[in-house]
Amino acid sequence: MPKDLSRLEARRVAGQDLLGLRTHRENNYNSWHKRIQVTDYLYDGNWAALYPDESIRIDSPMVMNIVQTEMDDISTLAAESDPSVRIWPRKDTKAAKDKSYILESIGENYWDKNQGRETETELTLDLVGSGACFVVIEEDQKDGFPCFRRIDPRMAYPNVFRNKIFDLFVVQEMDIEAARQVFDKFSTLYGDNIPHDRADGVEVWEFYSEKECAQALCLTKGGKPVEDTPEIIHRWTPKRNPVAFSRLPSYDGAFRGMFDQIGGSLMAKNRLVKLMLDYADQGIYASMVSKGLLNDEEIPGPMAHYRLDPNVPDAQIGRMQPATSNPQLYGLLDFLDSEQRAGTAYPQSRHGEVSQSIASAAFVNSTMGQLTSVVRKVQRMVGRVREQVLEIAFEVDRTGAGKDKTRYLRRPVGQKNSYIPEKDIPEDVYVQVVYGAGAGLDAMAADTRVLQHLGAKLISKETAREHIDYIPEDAEEGDRITQEDLQDAMMGRFLEQADWQTIAGVFDAMENGEDITKAIT
């Protein structure tokens, strides 16, 4: 058991335990949260630049914000291909396979009712930006249905050992009045009037572990907890550890996003472009200089007429010569852009720029190899979270308050359109999420790959259908195709042998709404 939780083994967690846990975790994860904050600044375009006079200014982006562009693009690419969610049958029999299809349909219920598609995109952004993502699975208080929600990494303090999460501590800041409206017990615990010199905010603490979960409130002053105010407002014993978790691998084992090291280069490129714009301004709006000017009060403009004093030798008017521009700056801009793209795996070909004047689709696709590998890695990490979410949700549904209730499936499987959790969900359901042919690729490239493998007879038609995102994985599509083939064969045989009067009778029967098979027979 982790060291900082050993004292909680023999008793229930208390408010002061959570206060000590908060301090301990904050110290451990301070560097990680600072890295997330830097990525937030880059994503927002709040780029601070240090000038020669040692002043710091916030420059607006004047170049493509590669952090924002790539994070959004990777999340879009990762969501283009729907993975195959497989629950393997426990026996090689048709009944066992049908049961696995039912479990897959139940899993779709969980995913769809909790807006899984939107959550999946948010998890991708969390992985890319912060290096980790978290989901908590809980039981709905009304009907016991499994519910899950994403935990913002900015508020997360996990206890991870050997890539396994033992518990998760979540800290969320709130306004006092907002907390009073959200939590019914707030006024009872802290009163209706809290002096400003005592507290100016509230923190909501959530603790999730295999043995116990708890929610607590704590007043804060200047962003720091007031030591005598932590209060547990809700606690419960989970069916199992309710936290699903995944992280990007790193050499030192720390949580690291993809853009931790790009800030300096990006701000340097932005500043170079700003200097070039300043130089252009100097060339157009350079200060005027004159000698022997008679009407220096004249405002410059297209209708201005300046008169020079003929008695002054070398009388003239003009603009001062701006400082010369270093041509090496343009090469430096290209160098910085190339380095940034190499460091973040974002090729120019992703947005239509290729070095060759004539390039095939295969060539353009080959230039995106690094980006494809990154998207595939992210999909694998998010897929692992989805596996954990569904496995925990099955356990919550099977043993929770709604275990005796009849729930309806999102789509029927054969003759079955409902299930009873206690009867239809076995213990220890093993879920596998496979992106397969669509891993790291857009939808069109994934479909082409499936067709090529099917044409070469490397995969079966059933496997091919599993990797097409809009086909449900219930084995009914193959039955529909077989039924249509039989209907086509029956129709061909019928048209060859039947006379015109019989054909007309079948046509009339179909006009009256009768099925073609019954009309022919």
Protein backbone atom coordinates (compact mmCIF):
# COMPACT_ATOMS: atom_id res chain seq x y z
CA MET A 1 0.00 0.00 0.00
CA PRO A 2 1.34 3.52 -0.72
CA LYS A 3 3.21 5.10 2.18
CA ASP A 4 1.05 8.21 2.60
CA LEU A 5 -2.09 6.07 3.00
CA SER A 6 -0.78 3.50 5.47
CA ARG A 7 -2.37 5.34 8.39
CA LEU A 8 -5.79 5.04 6.74
CA GLU A 9 -5.74 1.24 6.61
CA ALA A 10 -7.50 0.56 9.91
CA ARG A 11 -10.03 3.40 10.00
CA ARG A 12 -12.18 5.60 7.87
CA VAL A 13 -10.65 8.63 6.24
CA ALA A 14 -11.20 11.91 8.12
CA GLY A 15 -11.02 15.56 7.13
CA GLN A 16 -7.60 16.11 8.70
CA ASP A 17 -6.29 13.05 6.85
CA LEU A 18 -7.32 14.67 3.59
CA LEU A 19 -5.69 17.95 4.65
CA GLY A 20 -2.37 16.19 5.18
CA LEU A 21 -2.83 14.29 1.94
CA ARG A 22 -3.46 17.52 0.05
CA THR A 23 -0.24 19.10 1.33
CA HIS A 24 1.79 15.98 0.55
CA ARG A 25 0.42 15.58 -2.97
CA GLU A 26 0.72 19.29 -3.77
CA ASN A 27 4.44 19.19 -3.02
CA ASN A 28 4.93 16.03 -5.10
CA TYR A 29 3.04 17.24 -8.16
CA ASN A 30 3.97 20.92 -8.09
CA SER A 31 6.35 20.58 -11.07
CA TRP A 32 3.79 18.69 -13.16
CA HIS A 33 1.05 21.26 -12.57
CA LYS A 34 3.47 24.07 -13.45
CA ARG A 35 4.19 22.33 -16.77
CA ILE A 36 0.46 22.10 -17.42
CA GLN A 37 0.14 25.82 -16.65
CA VAL A 38 2.87 26.65 -19.19
CA THR A 39 1.06 24.56 -21.83
CA ASP A 40 -2.16 26.43 -20.99
CA TYR A 41 -0.41 29.75 -21.62
CA LEU A 42 0.91 28.50 -24.95
CA TYR A 43 -2.50 27.17 -26.00
CA ASP A 44 -4.19 30.46 -25.06
CA GLY A 45 -1.59 32.53 -26.91
CA ASN A 46 -0.36 34.33 -23.77
CA TRP A 47 3.27 34.40 -24.85
CA ALA A 48 5.55 36.37 -22.53
CA ALA A 49 8.73 37.86 -24.07
CA LEU A 50 11.77 39.24 -22.21
CA TYR A 51 13.09 42.43 -23.84
CA PRO A 52 16.62 43.91 -23.63
CA ASP A 53 15.47 46.41 -21.00
CA GLU A 54 14.48 43.37 -18.87
CA SER A 55 10.79 44.17 -19.18
CA ILE A 56 8.33 41.31 -19.78
CA ARG A 57 5.45 41.79 -22.19
CA ILE A 58 2.63 39.56 -23.38
CA ASP A 59 2.76 39.32 -27.17
CA SER A 60 -0.25 38.20 -29.16
CA PRO A 61 0.46 35.31 -31.59
CA MET A 62 1.65 36.54 -34.97
CA VAL A 63 2.56 33.06 -36.20
CA MET A 64 0.57 29.84 -36.30
CA ASN A 65 -0.04 28.65 -32.75
CA ILE A 66 1.27 25.13 -33.32
CA VAL A 67 0.31 24.09 -29.78
CA GLN A 68 -3.37 24.89 -30.26
CA THR A 69 -3.46 23.73 -33.88
CA GLU A 70 -1.80 20.38 -33.26
CA MET A 71 -3.68 19.57 -30.05
CA ASP A 72 -7.01 20.18 -31.79
CA ASP A 73 -5.91 18.29 -34.90
CA ILE A 74 -4.62 15.24 -33.01
CA SER A 75 -7.87 15.02 -31.04
CA THR A 76 -9.81 15.19 -34.34
CA LEU A 77 -7.64 12.55 -35.99
CA ALA A 78 -7.82 10.22 -33.00
CA ALA A 79 -11.64 10.43 -32.98
CA GLU A 80 -12.06 9.84 -36.74
CA SER A 81 -11.71 6.08 -36.38
CA ASP A 82 -14.12 4.29 -34.07
CA PRO A 83 -12.39 1.36 -32.36
CA SER A 84 -13.74 -2.16 -32.18
CA VAL A 85 -14.91 -2.88 -28.64
CA ARG A 86 -14.60 -6.62 -28.15
CA ILE A 87 -15.74 -8.80 -25.30
CA TRP A 88 -14.38 -12.25 -25.96
CA PRO A 89 -16.76 -15.22 -25.49
CA ARG A 90 -15.78 -17.64 -22.74
CA LYS A 91 -16.59 -20.64 -24.94
CA ASP A 92 -16.32 -21.30 -28.65
CA THR A 93 -20.06 -21.75 -29.05
CA LYS A 94 -22.79 -19.71 -30.74
CA ALA A 95 -24.55 -19.11 -27.41
CA ALA A 96 -21.35 -17.76 -25.86
CA LYS A 97 -20.73 -15.52 -28.87
CA ASP A 98 -24.30 -14.18 -28.73
CA LYS A 99 -23.79 -13.36 -25.05
CA SER A 100 -20.60 -11.48 -25.86
CA TYR A 101 -22.52 -9.45 -28.47
CA ILE A 102 -25.11 -8.60 -25.80
CA LEU A 103 -22.35 -7.43 -23.44
CA GLU A 104 -20.89 -5.28 -26.22
CA SER A 105 -24.32 -3.69 -26.71
CA ILE A 106 -24.55 -3.07 -22.96
CA GLY A 107 -21.13 -1.40 -23.09
CA GLU A 108 -22.40 0.85 -25.87
CA ASN A 109 -25.26 1.84 -23.55
CA TYR A 110 -22.75 2.99 -20.94
CA TRP A 111 -20.62 4.86 -23.47
CA ASP A 112 -23.45 6.64 -25.28
CA LYS A 113 -25.50 7.67 -22.24
CA ASN A 114 -22.39 9.25 -20.70
CA GLN A 115 -21.45 11.16 -23.90
CA GLY A 116 -18.46 8.93 -24.42
CA ARG A 117 -17.53 10.45 -27.78
CA GLU A 118 -17.14 13.91 -26.27
CA THR A 119 -15.27 12.50 -23.28
CA GLU A 120 -12.92 10.63 -25.61
CA THR A 121 -11.92 13.89 -27.31
CA GLU A 122 -11.31 15.55 -23.95
CA LEU A 123 -9.17 12.62 -22.81
CA THR A 124 -7.08 12.92 -25.97
CA LEU A 125 -6.49 16.62 -25.27
CA ASP A 126 -5.56 15.79 -21.66
CA LEU A 127 -3.03 13.17 -22.76
CA VAL A 128 -1.40 15.41 -25.35
CA GLY A 129 -1.36 18.54 -23.20
CA SER A 130 -0.63 17.18 -19.72
CA GLY A 131 0.59 13.62 -20.30
CA ALA A 132 -2.19 11.89 -18.32
CA CYS A 133 -5.95 11.49 -18.24
CA PHE A 134 -8.39 10.33 -15.55
CA VAL A 135 -12.00 9.12 -15.47
CA VAL A 136 -14.06 8.36 -12.35
CA ILE A 137 -16.91 5.84 -12.58
CA GLU A 138 -19.75 6.18 -10.07
CA GLU A 139 -23.26 4.85 -9.51
CA ASP A 140 -26.26 7.02 -10.30
CA GLN A 141 -28.15 7.67 -7.07
CA LYS A 142 -31.58 7.22 -8.71
CA ASP A 143 -31.39 4.03 -10.75
CA GLY A 144 -27.91 2.67 -10.09
CA PHE A 145 -26.81 3.16 -13.71
CA PRO A 146 -23.01 3.51 -14.13
CA CYS A 147 -21.98 7.12 -14.73
CA PHE A 148 -18.51 8.39 -15.47
CA ARG A 149 -16.90 11.78 -15.75
CA ARG A 150 -13.53 13.11 -16.78
CA ILE A 151 -11.26 14.56 -14.10
CA ASP A 152 -9.33 17.67 -15.14
CA PRO A 153 -5.57 16.92 -14.77
CA ARG A 154 -5.11 20.43 -13.38
CA MET A 155 -7.07 19.29 -10.31
CA ALA A 156 -5.72 15.72 -10.12
CA TYR A 157 -3.22 14.38 -7.57
CA PRO A 158 -2.87 10.62 -8.24
CA ASN A 159 -0.97 7.95 -6.38
CA VAL A 160 0.67 5.90 -9.13
CA PHE A 161 3.15 3.07 -8.79
CA ARG A 162 4.43 0.99 -11.70
CA ASN A 163 1.81 2.55 -13.96
CA LYS A 164 -1.03 1.41 -11.69
CA ILE A 165 -3.20 3.97 -9.94
CA PHE A 166 -3.99 3.20 -6.29
CA ASP A 167 -6.01 6.30 -5.48
CA LEU A 168 -6.85 9.75 -6.79
CA PHE A 169 -7.16 13.00 -4.85
CA VAL A 170 -9.01 15.83 -6.62
CA VAL A 171 -8.94 19.50 -5.56
CA GLN A 172 -11.42 21.94 -7.09
CA GLU A 173 -11.64 25.63 -6.15
CA MET A 174 -15.04 27.29 -5.76
CA ASP A 175 -16.52 30.60 -4.75
CA ILE A 176 -18.15 30.61 -1.31
CA GLU A 177 -21.57 31.59 -2.59
CA ALA A 178 -21.41 28.99 -5.37
CA ALA A 179 -20.51 26.29 -2.84
CA ARG A 180 -23.40 27.39 -0.64
CA GLN A 181 -25.82 26.84 -3.53
CA VAL A 182 -24.33 23.51 -4.64
CA PHE A 183 -23.91 21.82 -1.25
CA ASP A 184 -26.87 21.66 1.12
CA LYS A 185 -24.64 21.03 4.15
CA PHE A 186 -22.46 24.09 3.58
CA SER A 187 -24.45 26.54 5.73
CA THR A 188 -24.88 23.94 8.46
CA LEU A 189 -21.11 23.36 8.63
CA TYR A 190 -19.81 26.93 8.28
CA GLY A 191 -22.77 29.20 9.02
CA ASP A 192 -24.50 31.78 6.88
CA ASN A 193 -21.88 34.51 7.27
CA ILE A 194 -18.18 33.75 6.94
CA PRO A 195 -15.91 36.71 7.82
CA HIS A 196 -13.65 37.71 4.94
CA ASP A 197 -10.60 37.71 7.19
CA ARG A 198 -11.28 34.03 7.94
CA ALA A 199 -11.85 32.68 4.41
CA ASP A 200 -12.27 33.96 0.87
CA GLY A 201 -12.87 30.69 -0.99
CA VAL A 202 -13.72 27.00 -0.80
CA GLU A 203 -12.01 23.85 -1.99
CA VAL A 204 -13.96 20.73 -2.83
CA TRP A 205 -11.90 17.61 -2.13
CA GLU A 206 -12.67 14.21 -3.64
CA PHE A 207 -10.81 11.08 -2.66
CA TYR A 208 -11.18 7.83 -4.63
CA SER A 209 -9.60 4.53 -3.65
CA GLU A 210 -10.40 0.83 -3.71
CA LYS A 211 -11.47 0.75 -0.06
CA GLU A 212 -13.19 4.06 0.45
CA CYS A 213 -14.29 7.20 -1.40
CA ALA A 214 -15.05 10.54 0.22
CA GLN A 215 -16.05 14.09 -0.62
CA ALA A 216 -15.07 16.98 1.66
CA LEU A 217 -15.19 20.78 1.86
CA CYS A 218 -12.47 23.06 3.17
CA LEU A 219 -12.38 26.87 3.50
CA THR A 220 -9.38 28.66 2.01
CA LYS A 221 -7.64 31.95 2.59
CA GLY A 222 -5.34 33.28 -0.13
CA GLY A 223 -5.46 29.92 -1.90
CA LYS A 224 -4.35 28.00 1.20
CA PRO A 225 -6.58 25.67 3.26
CA VAL A 226 -7.78 26.88 6.66
CA GLU A 227 -6.56 24.03 8.85
CA ASP A 228 -9.54 23.63 11.18
CA THR A 229 -12.23 23.67 8.47
CA PRO A 230 -12.04 20.36 6.49
CA GLU A 231 -15.36 18.51 6.77
CA ILE A 232 -16.43 15.22 5.18
CA ILE A 233 -19.87 15.65 3.58
CA HIS A 234 -20.21 12.31 1.80
CA ARG A 235 -18.48 8.94 1.91
CA TRP A 236 -19.10 5.54 0.35
CA THR A 237 -17.50 2.16 -0.25
CA PRO A 238 -16.95 1.43 -3.97
CA LYS A 239 -17.36 -1.93 -5.71
CA ARG A 240 -13.74 -1.64 -6.87
CA ASN A 241 -11.24 1.13 -7.54
CA PRO A 242 -13.44 3.61 -9.48
CA VAL A 243 -10.60 5.39 -11.30
CA ALA A 244 -9.60 4.70 -14.93
CA PHE A 245 -6.21 6.14 -15.83
CA SER A 246 -3.63 6.31 -18.58
CA ARG A 247 -0.46 8.29 -19.23
CA LEU A 248 2.09 9.02 -21.93
CA PRO A 249 5.35 7.15 -21.25
CA SER A 250 8.35 9.28 -20.28
CA TYR A 251 12.02 8.51 -19.66
CA ASP A 252 12.07 9.82 -16.08
CA GLY A 253 8.65 8.45 -15.15
CA ALA A 254 7.17 11.95 -14.67
CA PHE A 255 3.91 13.16 -16.20
CA ARG A 256 4.91 15.03 -19.35
CA GLY A 257 2.84 16.39 -22.22
CA MET A 258 3.97 16.75 -25.81
CA PHE A 259 4.63 20.50 -25.64
CA ASP A 260 6.67 20.90 -22.46
CA GLN A 261 9.83 21.96 -24.33
CA ILE A 262 8.45 24.03 -27.21
CA GLY A 263 7.64 27.30 -25.48
CA GLY A 264 11.01 29.02 -25.95
CA SER A 265 11.27 28.20 -29.64
CA LEU A 266 7.68 29.23 -30.35
CA MET A 267 8.01 32.58 -28.58
CA ALA A 268 11.34 33.23 -30.31
CA LYS A 269 9.71 32.72 -33.71
CA ASN A 270 6.83 34.97 -32.72
CA ARG A 271 9.22 37.69 -31.59
CA LEU A 272 11.21 37.51 -34.84
CA VAL A 273 8.06 38.06 -36.86
CA LYS A 274 7.15 40.99 -34.62
CA LEU A 275 10.59 42.54 -35.18
CA MET A 276 10.14 42.18 -38.95
CA LEU A 277 6.78 43.91 -38.72
CA ASP A 278 8.36 46.68 -36.64
CA TYR A 279 11.02 47.08 -39.34
CA ALA A 280 8.32 47.36 -42.01
CA ASP A 281 6.59 50.00 -39.91
CA GLN A 282 9.85 51.94 -39.65
CA GLY A 283 10.20 51.91 -43.43
CA ILE A 284 6.68 53.25 -43.98
CA TYR A 285 6.30 55.53 -40.97
CA ALA A 286 9.92 56.59 -40.51
CA SER A 287 10.44 59.93 -38.78
CA MET A 288 10.68 62.92 -41.08
CA VAL A 289 13.81 65.06 -41.26
CA SER A 290 14.17 68.44 -42.97
CA LYS A 291 16.49 71.38 -43.45
CA GLY A 292 15.34 74.84 -44.46
CA LEU A 293 11.61 73.99 -44.27
CA LEU A 294 9.38 77.08 -44.26
CA ASN A 295 6.02 75.46 -43.30
CA ASP A 296 7.00 72.77 -40.81
CA GLU A 297 3.53 72.97 -39.22
CA GLU A 298 2.02 71.30 -42.30
CA ILE A 299 0.58 67.84 -41.43
CA PRO A 300 2.04 65.08 -43.68
CA GLY A 301 -0.46 63.65 -46.15
CA PRO A 302 -1.31 63.35 -49.85
CA MET A 303 -2.39 67.03 -50.05
CA ALA A 304 0.51 68.43 -48.04
CA HIS A 305 2.80 70.92 -49.85
CA TYR A 306 6.11 71.73 -48.19
CA ARG A 307 8.11 74.81 -49.17
CA LEU A 308 11.89 74.88 -48.88
CA ASP A 309 13.80 78.09 -48.06
CA PRO A 310 15.83 79.02 -51.16
CA ASN A 311 18.25 80.94 -48.98
CA VAL A 312 19.30 77.84 -47.05
CA PRO A 313 22.03 75.76 -48.73
CA ASP A 314 21.10 72.10 -49.31
CA ALA A 315 17.53 72.61 -48.10
CA GLN A 316 15.63 69.30 -48.15
CA ILE A 317 12.89 67.18 -46.61
CA GLY A 318 12.60 63.37 -46.30
CA ARG A 319 12.42 60.46 -43.90
CA MET A 320 15.16 58.93 -41.80
CA GLN A 321 16.69 55.72 -43.09
CA PRO A 322 15.49 52.75 -40.97
CA ALA A 323 17.90 50.19 -39.58
CA THR A 324 18.91 47.48 -42.04
CA SER A 325 17.27 44.05 -41.77
CA ASN A 326 19.48 41.01 -41.29
CA PRO A 327 18.67 38.51 -44.07
CA GLN A 328 19.68 35.65 -41.77
CA LEU A 329 16.47 36.20 -39.80
CA TYR A 330 14.44 34.58 -42.57
CA GLY A 331 16.62 31.49 -42.44
CA LEU A 332 16.31 31.44 -38.66
CA LEU A 333 12.51 31.52 -38.98
CA ASP A 334 12.59 28.47 -41.27
CA PHE A 335 14.95 26.70 -38.87
CA LEU A 336 12.72 27.36 -35.85
CA ASP A 337 9.63 26.22 -37.75
CA SER A 338 11.35 23.01 -38.82
CA GLU A 339 12.58 22.30 -35.29
CA GLN A 340 9.16 22.88 -33.79
CA ARG A 341 7.45 20.56 -36.27
CA ALA A 342 10.07 17.86 -35.72
CA GLY A 343 9.73 18.18 -31.95
CA THR A 344 5.94 17.96 -32.00
CA ALA A 345 5.55 15.49 -34.90
CA TYR A 346 3.44 17.88 -36.98
CA PRO A 347 4.48 17.83 -40.67
CA GLN A 348 3.69 20.60 -43.16
CA SER A 349 1.95 18.06 -45.39
CA ARG A 350 -0.84 17.83 -42.78
CA HIS A 351 -2.18 21.18 -43.99
CA GLY A 352 -1.40 20.73 -47.69
CA GLU A 353 2.21 21.92 -47.98
CA VAL A 354 4.58 19.52 -49.77
CA SER A 355 8.06 20.23 -51.09
CA GLN A 356 7.44 18.56 -54.48
CA SER A 357 5.42 20.30 -57.18
CA ILE A 358 3.88 16.93 -58.13
CA ALA A 359 3.22 14.42 -55.37
CA SER A 360 0.99 11.37 -55.16
CA ALA A 361 -1.41 10.69 -52.31
CA ALA A 362 0.85 7.85 -51.16
CA PHE A 363 3.81 10.25 -51.01
CA VAL A 364 1.88 12.82 -48.97
CA ASN A 365 0.70 10.08 -46.62
CA SER A 366 4.27 8.82 -46.16
CA THR A 367 5.40 12.29 -45.02
CA MET A 368 2.99 12.06 -42.08
CA GLY A 369 4.59 8.94 -40.60
CA GLN A 370 5.63 10.61 -37.32
CA LEU A 371 2.20 12.17 -36.81
CA THR A 372 0.55 8.81 -37.56
CA SER A 373 2.70 7.15 -34.90
CA VAL A 374 1.77 9.81 -32.34
CA VAL A 375 -1.96 9.50 -33.07
CA ARG A 376 -1.70 5.72 -32.85
CA LYS A 377 0.01 5.99 -29.45
CA VAL A 378 -2.65 8.39 -28.18
CA GLN A 379 -5.41 6.09 -29.45
CA ARG A 380 -3.80 3.17 -27.64
CA MET A 381 -3.70 5.15 -24.37
CA VAL A 382 -7.31 6.37 -24.70
CA GLY A 383 -8.39 2.85 -25.68
CA ARG A 384 -6.85 1.54 -22.46
CA VAL A 385 -8.88 4.08 -20.46
CA ARG A 386 -12.03 3.02 -22.28
CA GLU A 387 -11.34 -0.62 -21.41
CA GLN A 388 -10.99 0.25 -17.72
CA VAL A 389 -14.12 2.42 -17.79
CA LEU A 390 -16.27 -0.35 -19.25
CA GLU A 391 -14.88 -3.05 -16.97
CA ILE A 392 -15.59 -0.91 -13.89
CA ALA A 393 -19.03 0.06 -15.26
CA PHE A 394 -19.96 -3.61 -15.72
CA GLU A 395 -19.08 -4.31 -12.08
CA VAL A 396 -21.01 -1.26 -10.83
CA ASP A 397 -24.07 -2.23 -12.87
CA ARG A 398 -23.91 -5.92 -11.87
CA THR A 399 -23.68 -5.31 -8.13
CA GLY A 400 -25.26 -1.88 -7.70
CA ALA A 401 -28.68 -0.70 -6.63
CA GLY A 402 -30.16 -1.34 -10.07
CA LYS A 403 -29.02 -4.94 -10.41
CA ASP A 404 -32.61 -6.27 -10.38
CA LYS A 405 -33.92 -3.70 -12.85
CA THR A 406 -34.71 -4.39 -16.47
CA ARG A 407 -32.66 -2.09 -18.71
CA TYR A 408 -33.19 -1.66 -22.44
CA LEU A 409 -30.37 -2.03 -24.92
CA ARG A 410 -29.34 0.75 -27.27
CA ARG A 411 -29.73 -1.72 -30.13
CA PRO A 412 -31.30 -5.20 -29.99
CA VAL A 413 -29.18 -8.29 -30.44
CA GLY A 414 -31.21 -10.97 -32.15
CA GLN A 415 -34.47 -11.28 -30.21
CA LYS A 416 -33.06 -9.64 -27.08
CA ASN A 417 -33.71 -5.94 -26.51
CA SER A 418 -33.27 -5.72 -22.73
CA TYR A 419 -31.13 -7.14 -19.94
CA ILE A 420 -31.08 -7.59 -16.18
CA PRO A 421 -27.60 -6.67 -14.83
CA GLU A 422 -27.49 -9.33 -12.12
CA LYS A 423 -28.36 -12.13 -14.55
CA ASP A 424 -26.82 -11.05 -17.86
CA ILE A 425 -23.51 -9.56 -16.71
CA PRO A 426 -20.94 -12.13 -15.49
CA GLU A 427 -18.13 -11.43 -13.06
CA ASP A 428 -14.81 -10.04 -14.32
CA VAL A 429 -15.81 -8.97 -17.82
CA TYR A 430 -12.68 -8.56 -19.94
CA VAL A 431 -12.92 -5.74 -22.50
CA GLN A 432 -10.53 -5.13 -25.36
CA VAL A 433 -10.56 -1.91 -27.40
CA VAL A 434 -8.83 -2.29 -30.77
CA TYR A 435 -8.40 0.51 -33.30
CA GLY A 436 -7.01 -2.00 -35.78
CA ALA A 437 -7.00 -0.78 -39.38
CA GLY A 438 -7.96 2.74 -38.34
CA ALA A 439 -5.11 3.27 -35.89
CA GLY A 440 -3.40 6.57 -36.60
CA LEU A 441 -5.22 7.05 -39.92
CA ASP A 442 -8.11 9.14 -41.14
CA ALA A 443 -11.38 7.41 -42.04
CA MET A 444 -10.74 7.24 -45.79
CA ALA A 445 -7.26 5.75 -45.40
CA ALA A 446 -8.60 3.22 -42.87
CA ASP A 447 -11.39 2.09 -45.23
CA THR A 448 -8.89 1.70 -48.09
CA ARG A 449 -6.61 -0.42 -45.91
CA VAL A 450 -9.50 -2.69 -44.90
CA LEU A 451 -10.54 -3.20 -48.54
CA GLN A 452 -6.96 -4.02 -49.57
CA HIS A 453 -6.59 -6.65 -46.85
CA LEU A 454 -10.00 -8.09 -47.66
CA GLY A 455 -9.15 -8.27 -51.37
CA ALA A 456 -5.89 -10.05 -50.57
CA LYS A 457 -7.88 -12.50 -48.37
CA LEU A 458 -5.80 -11.62 -45.32
CA ILE A 459 -8.94 -11.01 -43.26
CA SER A 460 -12.50 -12.30 -43.27
CA LYS A 461 -15.57 -10.25 -44.15
CA GLU A 462 -16.64 -10.34 -40.52
CA THR A 463 -13.30 -8.87 -39.41
CA ALA A 464 -13.55 -6.25 -42.17
CA ARG A 465 -16.99 -5.21 -40.93
CA GLU A 466 -15.64 -4.87 -37.38
CA HIS A 467 -13.25 -2.17 -38.58
CA ILE A 468 -15.83 -0.10 -40.45
CA ASP A 469 -17.03 2.53 -38.01
CA TYR A 470 -20.69 2.78 -39.04
CA ILE A 471 -21.44 -0.98 -38.97
CA PRO A 472 -22.72 -2.29 -35.59
CA GLU A 473 -20.73 -5.15 -34.11
CA ASP A 474 -23.60 -7.58 -33.55
CA ALA A 475 -23.02 -10.18 -36.29
CA GLU A 476 -26.40 -9.25 -37.80
CA GLU A 477 -24.92 -7.44 -40.79
CA GLY A 478 -23.65 -10.74 -42.18
CA ASP A 479 -27.12 -12.26 -41.74
CA ARG A 480 -28.66 -9.33 -43.60
CA ILE A 481 -26.22 -9.74 -46.48
CA THR A 482 -26.93 -13.48 -46.65
CA GLN A 483 -30.67 -12.78 -46.64
CA GLU A 484 -30.30 -10.26 -49.48
CA ASP A 485 -28.22 -12.75 -51.51
CA LEU A 486 -30.94 -15.38 -51.08
CA GLN A 487 -33.60 -12.89 -52.12
CA ASP A 488 -31.60 -11.98 -55.23
CA ALA A 489 -31.18 -15.67 -56.11
CA MET A 490 -34.87 -16.33 -55.54
CA MET A 491 -35.83 -13.32 -57.66
CA GLY A 492 -33.54 -14.38 -60.50
CA ARG A 493 -34.92 -17.91 -60.50
CA PHE A 494 -38.50 -16.63 -60.30
CA LEU A 495 -38.13 -14.23 -63.24
CA GLU A 496 -36.63 -17.00 -65.40
CA GLN A 497 -39.51 -19.45 -64.80
CA ALA A 498 -42.68 -17.38 -64.10
CA ASP A 499 -45.06 -16.16 -66.79
CA TRP A 500 -46.22 -12.55 -67.11
CA GLN A 501 -49.50 -13.14 -65.32
CA THR A 502 -47.74 -14.59 -62.25
CA ILE A 503 -45.25 -11.71 -62.23
CA ALA A 504 -48.14 -9.22 -62.37
CA GLY A 505 -49.81 -10.97 -59.42
CA VAL A 506 -46.61 -10.72 -57.36
CA PHE A 507 -46.34 -7.03 -58.26
CA ASP A 508 -49.91 -6.39 -57.07
CA ALA A 509 -49.23 -8.24 -53.81
CA MET A 510 -46.15 -6.09 -53.17
CA GLU A 511 -48.18 -2.96 -53.91
CA ASN A 512 -50.50 -4.00 -51.09
CA GLY A 513 -47.56 -4.16 -48.68
CA GLU A 514 -46.79 -7.86 -48.77
CA ASP A 515 -43.17 -9.03 -48.40
CA ILE A 516 -41.53 -10.08 -51.67
CA THR A 517 -40.60 -13.51 -50.33
CA LYS A 518 -44.17 -14.26 -49.26
CA ALA A 519 -45.55 -12.84 -52.51
CA ILE A 520 -43.41 -15.17 -54.64
CA THR A 521 -44.12 -18.26 -52.56
